[in-house]
C-alpha atoms as a PDB file:
ATOM      1  CA  MET A   1     -25.988  22.900 -28.161  1.00  0.00           C
ATOM      2  CA  GLU A   2     -28.524  20.066 -27.836  1.00  0.00           C
ATOM      3  CA  THR A   3     -28.942  18.256 -24.546  1.00  0.00           C
ATOM      4  CA  ILE A   4     -28.980  14.472 -24.322  1.00  0.00           C
ATOM      5  CA  ASN A   5     -32.753  14.516 -23.816  1.00  0.00           C
ATOM      6  CA  GLN A   6     -33.240  16.672 -26.934  1.00  0.00           C
ATOM      7  CA  ILE A   7     -31.017  14.393 -29.024  1.00  0.00           C
ATOM      8  CA  LEU A   8     -33.013  11.335 -27.982  1.00  0.00           C
ATOM      9  CA  ALA A   9     -36.348  13.037 -28.741  1.00  0.00           C
ATOM     10  CA  ARG A  10     -35.090  13.935 -32.221  1.00  0.00           C
ATOM     11  CA  GLU A  11     -33.563  10.517 -32.935  1.00  0.00           C
ATOM     12  CA  LEU A  12     -36.553   8.515 -31.719  1.00  0.00           C
ATOM     13  CA  GLY A  13     -39.222  10.908 -33.047  1.00  0.00           C
ATOM     14  CA  ARG A  14     -40.922  11.149 -29.658  1.00  0.00           C
ATOM     15  CA  GLU A  15     -42.382  14.000 -27.666  1.00  0.00           C
ATOM     16  CA  GLN A  16     -39.836  15.707 -25.460  1.00  0.00           C
ATOM     17  CA  SER A  17     -42.003  15.262 -22.355  1.00  0.00           C
ATOM     18  CA  HIS A  18     -42.230  11.497 -22.936  1.00  0.00           C
ATOM     19  CA  ILE A  19     -38.440  11.223 -23.299  1.00  0.00           C
ATOM     20  CA  ASP A  20     -37.898  13.303 -20.151  1.00  0.00           C
ATOM     21  CA  ASN A  21     -40.342  11.095 -18.184  1.00  0.00           C
ATOM     22  CA  VAL A  22     -38.705   7.832 -19.272  1.00  0.00           C
ATOM     23  CA  ILE A  23     -35.206   9.091 -18.400  1.00  0.00           C
ATOM     24  CA  LYS A  24     -36.437  10.151 -14.958  1.00  0.00           C
ATOM     25  CA  LEU A  25     -38.053   6.737 -14.400  1.00  0.00           C
ATOM     26  CA  LEU A  26     -34.833   4.943 -15.463  1.00  0.00           C
ATOM     27  CA  ASP A  27     -32.716   7.135 -13.176  1.00  0.00           C
ATOM     28  CA  GLU A  28     -35.052   6.260 -10.288  1.00  0.00           C
ATOM     29  CA  GLY A  29     -34.205   2.591 -10.827  1.00  0.00           C
ATOM     30  CA  ASN A  30     -37.395   1.408 -12.549  1.00  0.00           C
ATOM     31  CA  THR A  31     -37.059  -1.503 -14.984  1.00  0.00           C
ATOM     32  CA  ILE A  32     -38.112  -1.345 -18.618  1.00  0.00           C
ATOM     33  CA  PRO A  33     -40.899  -4.004 -18.248  1.00  0.00           C
ATOM     34  CA  PHE A  34     -42.321  -2.015 -15.295  1.00  0.00           C
ATOM     35  CA  ILE A  35     -42.225   1.260 -17.220  1.00  0.00           C
ATOM     36  CA  ALA A  36     -43.767  -0.316 -20.335  1.00  0.00           C
ATOM     37  CA  ARG A  37     -46.662  -1.935 -18.404  1.00  0.00           C
ATOM     38  CA  TYR A  38     -47.449   0.446 -15.569  1.00  0.00           C
ATOM     39  CA  ARG A  39     -46.359   3.906 -16.712  1.00  0.00           C
ATOM     40  CA  LYS A  40     -47.854   4.096 -20.198  1.00  0.00           C
ATOM     41  CA  GLU A  41     -49.470   7.463 -19.503  1.00  0.00           C
ATOM     42  CA  LEU A  42     -45.999   8.979 -18.965  1.00  0.00           C
ATOM     43  CA  HIS A  43     -44.385   7.871 -22.231  1.00  0.00           C
ATOM     44  CA  GLY A  44     -47.178   7.595 -24.786  1.00  0.00           C
ATOM     45  CA  ALA A  45     -47.439   3.789 -24.654  1.00  0.00           C
ATOM     46  CA  MET A  46     -43.905   3.089 -25.894  1.00  0.00           C
ATOM     47  CA  ASP A  47     -43.263  -0.684 -26.135  1.00  0.00           C
ATOM     48  CA  ASP A  48     -40.366  -2.640 -24.644  1.00  0.00           C
ATOM     49  CA  THR A  49     -38.266  -2.401 -27.817  1.00  0.00           C
ATOM     50  CA  ALA A  50     -38.557   1.386 -28.057  1.00  0.00           C
ATOM     51  CA  LEU A  51     -37.780   1.774 -24.367  1.00  0.00           C
ATOM     52  CA  ARG A  52     -34.690  -0.440 -24.604  1.00  0.00           C
ATOM     53  CA  THR A  53     -33.449   1.551 -27.607  1.00  0.00           C
ATOM     54  CA  LEU A  54     -33.913   4.751 -25.625  1.00  0.00           C
ATOM     55  CA  ALA A  55     -32.070   3.295 -22.596  1.00  0.00           C
ATOM     56  CA  GLU A  56     -29.141   2.092 -24.719  1.00  0.00           C
ATOM     57  CA  ARG A  57     -28.786   5.427 -26.524  1.00  0.00           C
ATOM     58  CA  LEU A  58     -29.019   7.246 -23.199  1.00  0.00           C
ATOM     59  CA  GLU A  59     -26.151   5.206 -21.761  1.00  0.00           C
ATOM     60  CA  TYR A  60     -24.056   5.729 -24.918  1.00  0.00           C
ATOM     61  CA  LEU A  61     -24.577   9.505 -25.064  1.00  0.00           C
ATOM     62  CA  ARG A  62     -23.904   9.914 -21.365  1.00  0.00           C
ATOM     63  CA  SER A  63     -20.648   8.008 -21.810  1.00  0.00           C
ATOM     64  CA  LEU A  64     -19.622  10.406 -24.587  1.00  0.00           C
ATOM     65  CA  GLN A  65     -20.518  13.345 -22.348  1.00  0.00           C
ATOM     66  CA  ASP A  66     -18.326  11.954 -19.539  1.00  0.00           C
ATOM     67  CA  ARG A  67     -15.391  11.580 -21.935  1.00  0.00           C
ATOM     68  CA  ARG A  68     -15.833  15.126 -23.182  1.00  0.00           C
ATOM     69  CA  ASP A  69     -16.010  16.521 -19.639  1.00  0.00           C
ATOM     70  CA  SER A  70     -12.914  14.566 -18.667  1.00  0.00           C
ATOM     71  CA  VAL A  71     -10.935  16.083 -21.544  1.00  0.00           C
ATOM     72  CA  LYS A  72     -12.076  19.595 -20.632  1.00  0.00           C
ATOM     73  CA  LYS A  73     -11.176  19.083 -16.989  1.00  0.00           C
ATOM     74  CA  SER A  74      -7.726  17.741 -17.827  1.00  0.00           C
ATOM     75  CA  ASN A  75      -6.851  20.568 -20.167  1.00  0.00           C
ATOM     76  CA  THR A  76      -8.267  23.187 -17.821  1.00  0.00           C
ATOM     77  CA  ALA A  77      -5.965  21.870 -15.084  1.00  0.00           C
ATOM     78  CA  GLU A  78      -3.020  22.404 -17.461  1.00  0.00           C
ATOM     79  CA  GLY A  79      -4.136  25.967 -18.140  1.00  0.00           C
ATOM     80  CA  LYS A  80      -5.222  25.397 -21.732  1.00  0.00           C
ATOM     81  CA  MET A  81      -8.079  24.087 -23.834  1.00  0.00           C
ATOM     82  CA  PRO A  82      -7.856  22.360 -27.209  1.00  0.00           C
ATOM     83  CA  GLU A  83      -9.083  24.387 -30.161  1.00  0.00           C
ATOM     84  CA  VAL A  84     -12.381  22.597 -30.613  1.00  0.00           C
ATOM     85  CA  THR A  85     -15.505  24.209 -32.086  1.00  0.00           C
ATOM     86  CA  ALA A  86     -18.885  23.923 -30.415  1.00  0.00           C
ATOM     87  CA  GLU A  87     -20.093  21.842 -33.342  1.00  0.00           C
ATOM     88  CA  LYS A  88     -17.307  19.317 -32.983  1.00  0.00           C
ATOM     89  CA  THR A  89     -17.627  18.997 -29.237  1.00  0.00           C
ATOM     90  CA  SER A  90     -21.411  18.497 -29.280  1.00  0.00           C
ATOM     91  CA  LEU A  91     -22.636  14.967 -28.699  1.00  0.00           C
ATOM     92  CA  ALA A  92     -22.664  13.035 -31.960  1.00  0.00           C
ATOM     93  CA  SER A  93     -25.587  10.770 -32.725  1.00  0.00           C
ATOM     94  CA  ASP A  94     -23.506   7.975 -34.243  1.00  0.00           C
ATOM     95  CA  ASP A  95     -19.944   6.656 -34.447  1.00  0.00           C
ATOM     96  CA  ALA A  96     -19.492   7.987 -37.975  1.00  0.00           C
ATOM     97  CA  ASN A  97     -19.934  11.540 -36.759  1.00  0.00           C
ATOM     98  CA  LEU A  98     -17.714  10.874 -33.725  1.00  0.00           C
ATOM     99  CA  SER A  99     -14.796   9.927 -35.973  1.00  0.00           C
ATOM    100  CA  ASP A 100     -14.863  13.471 -37.377  1.00  0.00           C
ATOM    101  CA  VAL A 101     -14.167  15.014 -33.990  1.00  0.00           C
ATOM    102  CA  THR A 102     -10.394  14.978 -34.557  1.00  0.00           C
ATOM    103  CA  ASN A 103      -9.494  17.478 -31.864  1.00  0.00           C
ATOM    104  CA  VAL A 104     -11.394  15.583 -29.179  1.00  0.00           C
ATOM    105  CA  LYS A 105      -9.797  12.311 -30.283  1.00  0.00           C
ATOM    106  CA  ALA A 106      -6.340  13.821 -29.996  1.00  0.00           C
ATOM    107  CA  ALA A 107      -7.173  15.219 -26.574  1.00  0.00           C
ATOM    108  CA  LEU A 108      -8.428  11.828 -25.397  1.00  0.00           C
ATOM    109  CA  GLU A 109      -5.229  10.155 -26.616  1.00  0.00           C
ATOM    110  CA  LYS A 110      -3.202  12.724 -24.693  1.00  0.00           C
ATOM    111  CA  LEU A 111      -5.251  12.056 -21.579  1.00  0.00           C
ATOM    112  CA  ALA A 112      -4.756   8.293 -21.933  1.00  0.00           C
ATOM    113  CA  ALA A 113      -1.005   8.836 -22.265  1.00  0.00           C
ATOM    114  CA  LYS A 114      -0.993  10.724 -18.967  1.00  0.00           C
ATOM    115  CA  VAL A 115      -3.018   8.022 -17.230  1.00  0.00           C
ATOM    116  CA  TRP A 116      -0.578   5.297 -18.329  1.00  0.00           C
ATOM    117  CA  TYR A 117       2.550   7.437 -18.007  1.00  0.00           C
ATOM    118  CA  ALA A 118       5.484   5.967 -16.051  1.00  0.00           C
ATOM    119  CA  PRO A 119       8.644   8.064 -15.538  1.00  0.00           C
ATOM    120  CA  ILE A 120      12.006   6.768 -16.664  1.00  0.00           C
ATOM    121  CA  THR A 121      13.947   4.714 -14.111  1.00  0.00           C
ATOM    122  CA  ILE A 122      17.434   3.233 -13.893  1.00  0.00           C
ATOM    123  CA  THR A 123      16.670  -0.467 -13.524  1.00  0.00           C
ATOM    124  CA  SER A 124      20.239  -1.615 -12.839  1.00  0.00           C
ATOM    125  CA  PHE A 125      23.476   0.140 -11.925  1.00  0.00           C
ATOM    126  CA  THR A 126      26.921  -1.343 -11.201  1.00  0.00           C
ATOM    127  CA  VAL A 127      30.377   0.214 -10.900  1.00  0.00           C
ATOM    128  CA  SER A 128      33.767  -1.463 -10.970  1.00  0.00           C
ATOM    129  CA  PRO A 129      35.756  -0.899  -8.799  1.00  0.00           C
ATOM    130  CA  SER A 130      32.948  -0.421  -6.294  1.00  0.00           C
ATOM    131  CA  GLY A 131      32.727   2.699  -4.192  1.00  0.00           C
ATOM    132  CA  GLY A 132      33.787   2.806  -0.564  1.00  0.00           C
ATOM    133  CA  THR A 133      36.443   4.219   1.736  1.00  0.00           C
ATOM    134  CA  PHE A 134      40.098   3.849   0.751  1.00  0.00           C
ATOM    135  CA  GLU A 135      43.390   4.672   2.448  1.00  0.00           C
ATOM    136  CA  ARG A 136      44.978   7.980   1.497  1.00  0.00           C
ATOM    137  CA  GLY A 137      47.604   7.428  -1.148  1.00  0.00           C
ATOM    138  CA  TYR A 138      45.669   4.566  -2.764  1.00  0.00           C
ATOM    139  CA  THR A 139      44.656   4.919  -6.417  1.00  0.00           C
ATOM    140  CA  VAL A 140      41.253   3.693  -7.582  1.00  0.00           C
ATOM    141  CA  LYS A 141      41.568   2.670 -11.216  1.00  0.00           C
ATOM    142  CA  ALA A 142      39.209   4.512 -13.571  1.00  0.00           C
ATOM    143  CA  PRO A 143      35.740   3.181 -12.618  1.00  0.00           C
ATOM    144  CA  LYS A 144      33.559   1.580 -15.269  1.00  0.00           C
ATOM    145  CA  LEU A 145      29.804   2.193 -15.011  1.00  0.00           C
ATOM    146  CA  THR A 146      27.218  -0.225 -16.408  1.00  0.00           C
ATOM    147  CA  TRP A 147      23.476   0.434 -16.316  1.00  0.00           C
ATOM    148  CA  SER A 148      20.089  -0.157 -17.918  1.00  0.00           C
ATOM    149  CA  THR A 149      16.931   1.979 -18.043  1.00  0.00           C
ATOM    150  CA  SER A 150      13.193   1.398 -18.267  1.00  0.00           C
ATOM    151  CA  LYS A 151      13.033   3.335 -21.552  1.00  0.00           C
ATOM    152  CA  THR A 152      15.483   4.889 -24.028  1.00  0.00           C
ATOM    153  CA  PRO A 153      16.573   8.263 -22.613  1.00  0.00           C
ATOM    154  CA  LYS A 154      16.787  11.503 -24.543  1.00  0.00           C
ATOM    155  CA  LYS A 155      19.921  12.523 -22.663  1.00  0.00           C
ATOM    156  CA  THR A 156      22.511  10.679 -20.574  1.00  0.00           C
ATOM    157  CA  THR A 157      25.210  12.371 -18.510  1.00  0.00           C
ATOM    158  CA  VAL A 158      27.988  11.188 -16.209  1.00  0.00           C
ATOM    159  CA  ASN A 159      29.285  13.852 -13.819  1.00  0.00           C
ATOM    160  CA  GLY A 160      27.892  16.531 -16.124  1.00  0.00           C
ATOM    161  CA  VAL A 161      29.440  15.085 -19.299  1.00  0.00           C
ATOM    162  CA  THR A 162      26.744  14.409 -21.924  1.00  0.00           C
ATOM    163  CA  LEU A 163      27.240  11.145 -23.798  1.00  0.00           C
ATOM    164  CA  ALA A 164      27.061  11.352 -27.588  1.00  0.00           C
ATOM    165  CA  ASP A 165      24.787   8.301 -27.672  1.00  0.00           C
ATOM    166  CA  PRO A 166      22.050   8.628 -25.004  1.00  0.00           C
ATOM    167  CA  SER A 167      21.224   4.917 -25.353  1.00  0.00           C
ATOM    168  CA  GLN A 168      24.760   4.007 -24.279  1.00  0.00           C
ATOM    169  CA  LYS A 169      24.809   1.535 -21.377  1.00  0.00           C
ATOM    170  CA  THR A 170      28.468   1.627 -20.274  1.00  0.00           C
ATOM    171  CA  TYR A 171      30.986   4.348 -19.543  1.00  0.00           C
ATOM    172  CA  THR A 172      34.548   4.376 -18.201  1.00  0.00           C
ATOM    173  CA  MET A 173      35.691   7.412 -16.249  1.00  0.00           C
ATOM    174  CA  PRO A 174      38.475   9.305 -18.060  1.00  0.00           C
ATOM    175  CA  SER A 175      40.922   9.129 -15.127  1.00  0.00           C
ATOM    176  CA  ASP A 176      41.800   7.289 -11.926  1.00  0.00           C
ATOM    177  CA  ILE A 177      40.462   8.503  -8.581  1.00  0.00           C
ATOM    178  CA  THR A 178      42.827   9.578  -5.811  1.00  0.00           C
ATOM    179  CA  ALA A 179      40.613  11.929  -3.782  1.00  0.00           C
ATOM    180  CA  SER A 180      37.075  11.807  -2.426  1.00  0.00           C
ATOM    181  CA  THR A 181      34.720  11.840  -5.404  1.00  0.00           C
ATOM    182  CA  THR A 182      31.049  11.250  -6.209  1.00  0.00           C
ATOM    183  CA  VAL A 183      30.266   9.761  -9.612  1.00  0.00           C
ATOM    184  CA  THR A 184      26.729  10.575 -10.783  1.00  0.00           C
ATOM    185  CA  LEU A 185      24.761   9.038 -13.660  1.00  0.00           C
ATOM    186  CA  THR A 186      21.706  11.010 -14.835  1.00  0.00           C
ATOM    187  CA  VAL A 187      19.223  10.046 -17.564  1.00  0.00           C
ATOM    188  CA  THR A 188      16.474  12.271 -18.983  1.00  0.00           C
ATOM    189  CA  GLU A 189      13.497  10.786 -20.811  1.00  0.00           C
ATOM    190  CA  GLN A 190      12.207  11.774 -24.237  1.00  0.00           C
ATOM    191  CA  ASP A 191       8.577  12.249 -23.163  1.00  0.00           C
ATOM    192  CA  ALA A 192       7.165  15.730 -22.752  1.00  0.00           C
ATOM    193  CA  GLN A 193       7.272  15.374 -18.981  1.00  0.00           C
ATOM    194  CA  GLY A 194      11.095  15.361 -19.150  1.00  0.00           C
ATOM    195  CA  ALA A 195      11.529  13.286 -15.983  1.00  0.00           C
ATOM    196  CA  THR A 196      15.025  12.326 -14.842  1.00  0.00           C
ATOM    197  CA  ALA A 197      16.526   9.447 -12.872  1.00  0.00           C
ATOM    198  CA  LYS A 198      19.842   9.435 -11.043  1.00  0.00           C
ATOM    199  CA  GLU A 199      22.287   6.993  -9.433  1.00  0.00           C
ATOM    200  CA  GLU A 200      25.464   7.803  -7.479  1.00  0.00           C
ATOM    201  CA  VAL A 201      28.555   6.028  -6.188  1.00  0.00           C
ATOM    202  CA  ASN A 202      30.933   7.564  -3.640  1.00  0.00           C
ATOM    203  CA  TYR A 203      34.683   7.159  -3.253  1.00  0.00           C
ATOM    204  CA  ALA A 204      36.050   8.446   0.063  1.00  0.00           C
ATOM    205  CA  PHE A 205      39.636   8.500   1.298  1.00  0.00           C
ATOM    206  CA  GLY A 206      40.752   8.318   4.929  1.00  0.00           C
ATOM    207  CA  TYR A 207      43.752   7.476   7.064  1.00  0.00           C
ATOM    208  CA  ALA A 208      44.651   3.967   8.070  1.00  0.00           C
ATOM    209  CA  ILE A 209      44.644   3.548  11.831  1.00  0.00           C
ATOM    210  CA  TYR A 210      45.949   0.573  13.782  1.00  0.00           C
ATOM    211  CA  ALA A 211      44.924  -0.909  17.101  1.00  0.00           C
ATOM    212  CA  GLY A 212      46.086  -3.986  18.928  1.00  0.00           C
ATOM    213  CA  MET A 213      48.052  -5.571  21.800  1.00  0.00           C
ATOM    214  CA  ALA A 214      51.794  -5.803  22.460  1.00  0.00           C
ATOM    215  CA  ALA A 215      54.037  -7.163  25.203  1.00  0.00           C
ATOM    216  CA  ASP A 216      56.012  -3.941  25.707  1.00  0.00           C
ATOM    217  CA  THR A 217      56.344  -0.414  24.361  1.00  0.00           C
ATOM    218  CA  ALA A 218      59.606  -1.237  22.614  1.00  0.00           C
ATOM    219  CA  THR A 219      57.516  -3.053  19.991  1.00  0.00           C
ATOM    220  CA  PHE A 220      56.210   0.230  18.598  1.00  0.00           C
ATOM    221  CA  THR A 221      58.566   1.051  15.759  1.00  0.00           C
ATOM    222  CA  ALA A 222      57.782   2.399  12.312  1.00  0.00           C
ATOM    223  CA  ASP A 223      59.046  -0.796  10.692  1.00  0.00           C
ATOM    224  CA  TRP A 224      56.828  -2.895  12.937  1.00  0.00           C
ATOM    225  CA  VAL A 225      53.795  -0.785  12.057  1.00  0.00           C
ATOM    226  CA  ARG A 226      54.437  -1.124   8.319  1.00  0.00           C
ATOM    227  CA  LYS A 227      54.566  -4.902   8.609  1.00  0.00           C
ATOM    228  CA  THR A 228      51.476  -5.165  10.801  1.00  0.00           C
ATOM    229  CA  VAL A 229      48.601  -6.901   9.074  1.00  0.00           C
ATOM    230  CA  GLY A 230      46.083  -7.121  11.914  1.00  0.00           C
ATOM    231  CA  GLY A 231      43.977  -4.389  13.483  1.00  0.00           C
ATOM    232  CA  LYS A 232      44.042  -2.073  10.461  1.00  0.00           C
ATOM    233  CA  ALA A 233      41.040   0.089   9.556  1.00  0.00           C
ATOM    234  CA  VAL A 234      40.538   3.013   7.173  1.00  0.00           C
ATOM    235  CA  LYS A 235      38.575   5.783   8.891  1.00  0.00           C
ATOM    236  CA  THR A 236      38.074   9.526   8.881  1.00  0.00           C
ATOM    237  CA  SER A 237      38.377   9.815  12.667  1.00  0.00           C
ATOM    238  CA  ALA A 238      39.619   7.724  15.585  1.00  0.00           C
ATOM    239  CA  LYS A 239      36.236   7.737  17.282  1.00  0.00           C
ATOM    240  CA  GLY A 240      34.893   4.269  17.886  1.00  0.00           C
ATOM    241  CA  ASP A 241      35.265   1.075  19.891  1.00  0.00           C
ATOM    242  CA  TYR A 242      38.364  -1.126  19.754  1.00  0.00           C
ATOM    243  CA  THR A 243      38.495  -4.637  21.116  1.00  0.00           C
ATOM    244  CA  MET A 244      41.863  -5.964  22.362  1.00  0.00           C
ATOM    245  CA  LYS A 245      42.359  -9.422  23.808  1.00  0.00           C
ATOM    246  CA  GLY A 246      45.363 -10.297  25.972  1.00  0.00           C
ATOM    247  CA  SER A 247      46.677 -10.857  29.472  1.00  0.00           C
ATOM    248  CA  THR A 248      47.101  -8.118  32.070  1.00  0.00           C
ATOM    249  CA  ASP A 249      50.816  -7.831  31.393  1.00  0.00           C
ATOM    250  CA  LYS A 250      50.219  -6.535  27.851  1.00  0.00           C
ATOM    251  CA  TYR A 251      49.860  -3.022  26.423  1.00  0.00           C
ATOM    252  CA  TRP A 252      47.123  -1.962  24.033  1.00  0.00           C
ATOM    253  CA  TRP A 253      48.047   0.483  21.339  1.00  0.00           C
ATOM    254  CA  LEU A 254      46.343   2.836  18.909  1.00  0.00           C
ATOM    255  CA  ILE A 255      48.126   4.506  15.994  1.00  0.00           C
ATOM    256  CA  VAL A 256      46.467   7.491  14.294  1.00  0.00           C
ATOM    257  CA  PRO A 257      47.506  10.611  12.326  1.00  0.00           C
ATOM    258  CA  THR A 258      49.294  13.270  14.369  1.00  0.00           C
ATOM    259  CA  ALA A 259      46.635  15.846  13.420  1.00  0.00           C
ATOM    260  CA  TRP A 260      43.924  13.969  15.279  1.00  0.00           C
ATOM    261  CA  SER A 261      43.127  14.723  18.899  1.00  0.00           C
ATOM    262  CA  VAL A 262      42.552  11.482  20.763  1.00  0.00           C
ATOM    263  CA  SER A 263      41.196  10.777  24.229  1.00  0.00           C
ATOM    264  CA  PHE A 264      40.446   7.305  25.439  1.00  0.00           C
ATOM    265  CA  LYS A 265      39.421   5.060  28.278  1.00  0.00           C
ATOM    266  CA  THR A 266      39.555   1.332  28.808  1.00  0.00           C
ATOM    267  CA  ALA A 267      36.981  -1.006  30.217  1.00  0.00           C
ATOM    268  CA  LEU A 268      39.335  -1.660  33.155  1.00  0.00           C
ATOM    269  CA  GLY A 269      40.272   1.934  33.941  1.00  0.00           C
ATOM    270  CA  ALA A 270      40.817   5.422  32.572  1.00  0.00           C
ATOM    271  CA  GLY A 271      43.905   6.220  30.506  1.00  0.00           C
ATOM    272  CA  GLY A 272      46.279   8.475  32.421  1.00  0.00           C
ATOM    273  CA  ALA A 273      49.740   9.997  32.021  1.00  0.00           C
ATOM    274  CA  GLU A 274      51.364   6.642  32.639  1.00  0.00           C
ATOM    275  CA  CYS A 275      49.613   5.335  29.517  1.00  0.00           C
ATOM    276  CA  ALA A 276      51.148   7.858  27.126  1.00  0.00           C
ATOM    277  CA  TRP A 277      53.964   6.757  24.884  1.00  0.00           C
ATOM    278  CA  PRO A 278      54.920   9.732  22.709  1.00  0.00           C
ATOM    279  CA  ALA A 279      57.822   8.162  20.814  1.00  0.00           C
ATOM    280  CA  PRO A 280      57.769   9.305  17.136  1.00  0.00           C
ATOM    281  CA  MET A 281      56.413   6.685  14.779  1.00  0.00           C
ATOM    282  CA  GLY A 282      57.210   8.111  11.336  1.00  0.00           C
ATOM    283  CA  MET A 283      54.640   8.386   8.546  1.00  0.00           C
ATOM    284  CA  SER A 284      53.013  11.327  10.406  1.00  0.00           C
ATOM    285  CA  ARG A 285      51.606   8.985  13.042  1.00  0.00           C
ATOM    286  CA  TRP A 286      52.052   8.539  16.743  1.00  0.00           C
ATOM    287  CA  ALA A 287      51.146   5.763  19.124  1.00  0.00           C
ATOM    288  CA  ARG A 288      49.651   5.763  22.581  1.00  0.00           C
ATOM    289  CA  ALA A 289      49.977   2.664  24.729  1.00  0.00           C
ATOM    290  CA  CYS A 290      48.335   1.813  28.013  1.00  0.00           C
ATOM    291  CA  PRO A 291      49.043  -1.183  30.304  1.00  0.00           C
ATOM    292  CA  LEU A 292      45.941  -3.119  31.249  1.00  0.00           C
ATOM    293  CA  ILE A 293      45.581  -2.897  35.018  1.00  0.00           C
END
């Protein structure tokens, strides 16, 4: 395979030593006027025009060499090389010959695709009703998902169910939700890389607990609890801070599921035996009240 220096000597009809000398002088940073005037003995008295032609062809052929090396490096990293003959991968002397190097052209296009490649993404994702934590016994109506993607996917699934039309942008779950559930949307792109993108929404269910103030322990009846609108929270445990406002002759109360183990203290003093109020509340709950002291 010819080197760049040999190609230039053949194209320009010059002695190889003269071509080698000029290339060395150019690489050392010398200008063409300087080489033409003061280094004639090294290049056989080539004029400015001939030297500029040599410099331009040198730059062009080196550029082709860099492209070829880049393709080889890329394919070597992938563990394969394109089926290109030595003749086709040698440096061509003009653009007409370059157009015949079909395998190299294809390899360069593949390399460009990798350079500009962007994986598929889910650009928007909404669910109605929204996810969150709900009281046990509540029914979340079949959620409707709406989304958009950065490119048309090859495959779209919702909770493992593959949609017949991968370009579909909406989907309604086949049933209502009554227990803790995660709904997952996954899209897979059509490109060879096969990248995926995913979005999730969670529906959790917990017990409703109540906290507040009352004038006396006689207030704590099941009917009163059912009608209470203040102090309600849906949680998976009683752990946390509760703020009660009232005078010192009031009781604070906390109503939680019977299965939960609860210990507590107040900002004014620790809860003791005198604070317990174990009267049954119904609905599998119990209340504990403590006078503020």
